[in-house]
Protein backbone atom coordinates (compact mmCIF):
# COMPACT_ATOMS: atom_id res chain seq x y z
CA MET A 1 -6.80 72.87 -2.48
CA ARG A 2 -5.06 69.48 -2.39
CA ASN A 3 -1.80 68.60 -0.76
CA LEU A 4 -0.18 65.80 -2.85
CA LYS A 5 2.81 63.73 -1.81
CA LEU A 6 5.13 62.41 -4.56
CA THR A 7 7.63 59.64 -4.23
CA MET A 8 10.26 59.92 -6.94
CA ARG A 9 13.43 58.35 -8.34
CA TYR A 10 16.23 60.05 -10.18
CA ASP A 11 19.69 59.59 -11.61
CA GLY A 12 21.54 62.65 -10.17
CA THR A 13 24.42 62.55 -12.66
CA ASP A 14 23.14 65.33 -14.94
CA PHE A 15 21.29 67.34 -12.31
CA TYR A 16 22.86 70.13 -10.36
CA GLY A 17 21.34 68.77 -7.18
CA TRP A 18 17.73 69.00 -5.96
CA GLN A 19 17.41 72.72 -5.21
CA ARG A 20 16.31 75.21 -7.82
CA GLN A 21 19.17 77.44 -8.92
CA PRO A 22 19.25 80.06 -11.70
CA GLY A 23 20.71 78.79 -14.92
CA CYS A 24 21.14 75.24 -13.63
CA ARG A 25 19.33 72.02 -14.39
CA THR A 26 17.98 70.80 -11.06
CA VAL A 27 15.50 68.16 -10.03
CA GLN A 28 13.23 70.70 -8.34
CA ASP A 29 13.08 73.02 -11.29
CA THR A 30 12.55 70.17 -13.79
CA LEU A 31 9.69 68.75 -11.68
CA GLU A 32 8.02 72.11 -10.97
CA VAL A 33 8.07 73.18 -14.64
CA THR A 34 6.49 69.86 -15.60
CA LEU A 35 3.85 70.09 -12.86
CA ALA A 36 2.99 73.62 -13.93
CA THR A 37 2.45 72.43 -17.52
CA LEU A 38 0.39 69.44 -16.46
CA THR A 39 -1.85 71.28 -13.97
CA VAL A 40 -1.91 74.58 -15.89
CA GLU A 41 -0.91 76.25 -12.58
CA PRO A 42 2.18 78.46 -12.86
CA GLY A 43 4.21 78.89 -9.70
CA ILE A 44 3.81 75.36 -8.21
CA ARG A 45 6.52 74.75 -5.59
CA VAL A 46 7.59 71.32 -4.40
CA GLN A 47 8.93 70.83 -0.85
CA ALA A 48 11.34 67.90 -0.71
CA SER A 49 12.24 65.74 2.29
CA GLY A 50 15.76 67.12 1.90
CA ARG A 51 18.15 68.53 -0.69
CA THR A 52 20.42 66.13 -2.53
CA ASP A 53 23.66 67.54 -3.95
CA SER A 54 24.89 67.55 -7.52
CA GLY A 55 25.52 63.99 -8.71
CA VAL A 56 23.63 62.36 -5.82
CA HIS A 57 20.92 59.84 -6.76
CA ALA A 58 17.55 58.96 -5.19
CA LEU A 59 15.46 55.82 -5.16
CA GLY A 60 12.87 57.18 -2.78
CA GLN A 61 12.91 60.93 -2.56
CA VAL A 62 9.67 62.41 -1.25
CA GLY A 63 8.17 65.80 -1.97
CA ASN A 64 4.76 67.55 -1.60
CA PHE A 65 2.98 70.35 -3.39
CA VAL A 66 -0.39 72.15 -3.18
CA THR A 67 -2.68 72.28 -6.22
CA HIS A 68 -6.23 72.98 -7.38
CA CYS A 69 -5.86 70.31 -10.05
CA ARG A 70 -8.39 67.48 -9.84
CA ILE A 71 -6.33 64.83 -11.64
CA PRO A 72 -6.76 61.55 -9.72
CA THR A 73 -3.74 60.47 -7.72
CA ASP A 74 -3.34 57.21 -9.61
CA VAL A 75 -3.18 59.13 -12.89
CA PHE A 76 -0.61 61.71 -11.77
CA PRO A 77 2.48 59.43 -11.98
CA ARG A 78 1.57 58.17 -15.47
CA ALA A 79 0.86 61.63 -16.72
CA LEU A 80 4.00 63.13 -15.26
CA ASN A 81 6.26 60.34 -16.45
CA LYS A 82 5.18 60.93 -20.04
CA MET A 83 6.44 64.49 -19.76
CA LEU A 84 9.53 64.13 -17.52
CA PRO A 85 13.04 63.42 -18.84
CA ASP A 86 14.40 59.86 -18.67
CA ASP A 87 16.49 60.52 -15.57
CA LEU A 88 13.52 61.41 -13.35
CA SER A 89 10.38 59.44 -12.62
CA ILE A 90 7.41 59.51 -10.24
CA LEU A 91 6.69 56.27 -8.39
CA GLU A 92 3.62 57.22 -6.42
CA CYS A 93 1.24 60.05 -5.66
CA VAL A 94 -0.83 60.18 -2.50
CA GLU A 95 -3.24 62.80 -1.19
CA MET A 96 -2.21 64.04 2.27
CA PRO A 97 -3.71 66.27 4.98
CA GLU A 98 -3.22 69.98 4.51
CA SER A 99 -0.65 70.04 7.32
CA PHE A 100 1.69 67.48 5.75
CA ASN A 101 5.18 68.77 4.89
CA ALA A 102 7.69 66.38 3.27
CA ASN A 103 10.66 67.93 5.01
CA ARG A 104 9.31 68.82 8.44
CA ASP A 105 7.39 65.55 8.96
CA ALA A 106 10.22 63.15 7.99
CA VAL A 107 11.36 61.15 11.01
CA ARG A 108 14.09 59.03 9.42
CA LYS A 109 16.06 58.86 6.18
CA LEU A 110 18.14 55.99 4.85
CA TYR A 111 21.13 56.71 2.65
CA ARG A 112 23.42 54.19 0.92
CA TYR A 113 26.95 54.79 -0.27
CA VAL A 114 28.28 52.28 -2.87
CA MET A 115 31.99 51.43 -3.21
CA HIS A 116 33.89 49.27 -5.69
CA ASP A 117 37.34 47.85 -4.90
CA ALA A 118 38.21 45.55 -7.84
CA PRO A 119 41.65 46.18 -9.44
CA ALA A 120 39.98 47.56 -12.57
CA ARG A 121 37.26 50.21 -12.64
CA ASP A 122 33.80 49.14 -13.71
CA PRO A 123 32.80 51.53 -16.56
CA LEU A 124 29.16 50.42 -16.31
CA MET A 125 28.96 51.59 -12.69
CA ARG A 126 31.12 54.69 -12.86
CA ARG A 127 28.08 56.96 -12.28
CA TYR A 128 26.80 54.95 -9.33
CA SER A 129 29.80 53.98 -7.24
CA CYS A 130 33.14 55.18 -5.95
CA HIS A 131 36.12 53.11 -7.12
CA SER A 132 38.92 52.40 -4.63
CA ASN A 133 42.35 51.58 -6.10
CA ALA A 134 43.18 49.68 -2.89
CA PRO A 135 41.28 46.74 -1.40
CA LEU A 136 38.81 47.60 1.35
CA ASP A 137 38.37 45.49 4.44
CA GLY A 138 34.58 45.51 4.85
CA ALA A 139 34.56 43.77 8.17
CA VAL A 140 36.94 46.33 9.72
CA MET A 141 34.83 49.17 8.24
CA HIS A 142 31.63 47.68 9.69
CA ARG A 143 33.09 47.39 13.16
CA ALA A 144 34.49 50.95 13.01
CA ALA A 145 31.11 52.29 11.87
CA GLN A 146 29.35 50.93 14.97
CA VAL A 147 31.01 53.68 17.04
CA LEU A 148 28.70 56.15 15.24
CA HIS A 149 25.50 54.30 16.21
CA GLY A 150 23.32 56.25 18.60
CA THR A 151 23.17 59.98 19.43
CA HIS A 152 26.37 62.02 18.92
CA ASP A 153 27.67 65.39 17.86
CA PHE A 154 28.62 64.76 14.23
CA HIS A 155 30.55 67.98 13.73
CA SER A 156 33.57 65.91 12.61
CA PHE A 157 31.49 64.77 9.61
CA GLU A 158 29.86 68.10 8.76
CA THR A 159 31.07 70.30 5.85
CA GLU A 160 30.66 74.08 6.03
CA TRP A 161 30.05 74.16 9.76
CA PRO A 162 27.81 75.53 11.12
CA ASN A 163 25.00 75.13 8.65
CA ARG A 164 22.44 73.83 11.15
CA LYS A 165 21.51 74.94 14.66
CA SER A 166 22.94 71.76 16.11
CA SER A 167 25.32 69.03 14.89
CA ILE A 168 23.70 66.41 17.13
CA ARG A 169 21.97 63.61 15.28
CA THR A 170 20.86 60.04 16.08
CA ILE A 171 21.91 57.15 13.82
CA HIS A 172 19.46 54.26 14.22
CA HIS A 173 21.23 51.86 11.87
CA ILE A 174 24.66 51.80 10.25
CA ALA A 175 26.30 48.88 8.47
CA VAL A 176 28.90 48.06 5.84
CA SER A 177 28.10 45.04 3.65
CA ARG A 178 29.82 43.33 0.71
CA MET A 179 28.75 41.34 -2.27
CA GLY A 180 31.59 40.37 -4.61
CA GLU A 181 33.63 43.39 -5.62
CA TYR A 182 31.06 45.87 -4.29
CA LEU A 183 30.59 47.23 -0.79
CA TRP A 184 27.91 49.54 0.52
CA LEU A 185 27.47 51.65 3.60
CA ASP A 186 23.89 52.08 4.88
CA VAL A 187 23.11 54.87 7.30
CA GLU A 188 19.65 55.56 8.70
CA ALA A 189 19.23 58.54 10.98
CA ASP A 190 16.71 61.08 12.20
CA GLY A 191 18.53 63.69 10.09
CA PHE A 192 21.77 64.47 8.31
CA LEU A 193 24.24 67.29 8.23
CA TYR A 194 25.75 68.63 4.98
CA ASN A 195 27.92 65.89 3.38
CA MET A 196 27.62 63.78 6.53
CA VAL A 197 27.26 60.40 4.84
CA ARG A 198 29.95 61.15 2.28
CA ALA A 199 32.38 62.22 5.05
CA ILE A 200 31.60 58.99 7.00
CA ALA A 201 32.20 56.99 3.85
CA GLY A 202 35.51 58.73 3.16
CA THR A 203 36.63 58.09 6.71
CA LEU A 204 35.65 54.42 6.60
CA MET A 205 37.48 53.95 3.30
CA ASN A 206 40.66 55.26 4.90
CA ILE A 207 40.16 52.70 7.67
CA GLY A 208 39.24 49.93 5.21
CA ARG A 209 42.45 50.57 3.26
CA GLY A 210 44.47 50.20 6.45
CA HIS A 211 45.59 53.82 6.51
CA TRP A 212 44.04 54.32 9.92
CA PRO A 213 43.21 51.76 12.70
CA GLU A 214 39.56 51.06 13.30
CA SER A 215 39.93 52.50 16.79
CA ASP A 216 40.42 55.92 15.28
CA MET A 217 36.72 56.33 14.68
CA ALA A 218 36.14 56.89 18.41
CA ARG A 219 38.86 59.58 18.46
CA ILE A 220 37.44 61.23 15.34
CA ILE A 221 33.86 61.47 16.60
CA ALA A 222 35.06 62.75 20.00
CA ALA A 223 37.22 65.47 18.37
CA GLU A 224 34.16 67.25 16.92
CA ASP A 225 36.55 68.63 14.25
CA ARG A 226 36.08 68.11 10.52
CA ARG A 227 39.86 68.12 9.97
CA GLU A 228 40.20 64.90 11.97
CA ALA A 229 37.95 62.84 9.69
CA GLY A 230 38.57 61.49 6.24
CA PRO A 231 37.84 63.13 2.84
CA THR A 232 34.35 63.72 1.51
CA ALA A 233 33.73 60.76 -0.77
CA PRO A 234 32.57 61.51 -4.34
CA ALA A 235 28.90 62.27 -4.91
CA GLN A 236 28.13 59.56 -7.48
CA GLY A 237 28.21 56.75 -4.89
CA LEU A 238 25.43 58.19 -2.79
CA PHE A 239 21.74 57.26 -2.91
CA LEU A 240 18.75 58.42 -0.93
CA ILE A 241 16.98 55.14 -0.43
CA ARG A 242 13.98 55.78 1.77
CA VAL A 243 12.21 58.48 3.82
CA THR A 244 10.12 57.34 6.76
CA TYR A 245 7.14 59.27 8.18
CA ALA A 246 5.35 58.69 11.46
């Protein structure tokens, strides 16, 4: 048996998220069906580093699966990409120890949320960014975001609480940057709660529009109450950029 690690990229627009669901087109189901055809092994299951929601994109999602197939690792990406749809591709395949698990062994993940605040919407980026009708003050948003750096209870930014044993997470890096009419929020942490990055983005957009003072971020995180934070930003602006392993 071989334990193979795949690094993949996908446009989440037309997928109903990562996780396999009956009657829905998902990344997991699409990949597993293709792997079963390529390896002639029905029942292959891919364990991902984490589930992405409907409409969320990935530049560096990681998964692993066990197989008897002897196809060389350098051939796997080329073979799979000939069979996969245009909105999903395999970047790399690496053979790993039997104990490797893409979800359990991940130590950090980096997500990026992309925002656009020009007066007119950009139709070319409508699937990959969230448009703000009001200008966003990126510098204020960046300063407000620094309150979230470090270890905190992020219950205020967790949808459908409780969905994990603990809401405590550690953010190692958080920043808001701008280039022209686009801004992006980068958040790298040891783990994420359901809709955590999108809730942070929605809160920062309220601050960036001047609806709330930047000092409110400290109050919101201390409240440990989802009702105190901003709205959950739309899915299309979110990208899983990188998964780091020890």
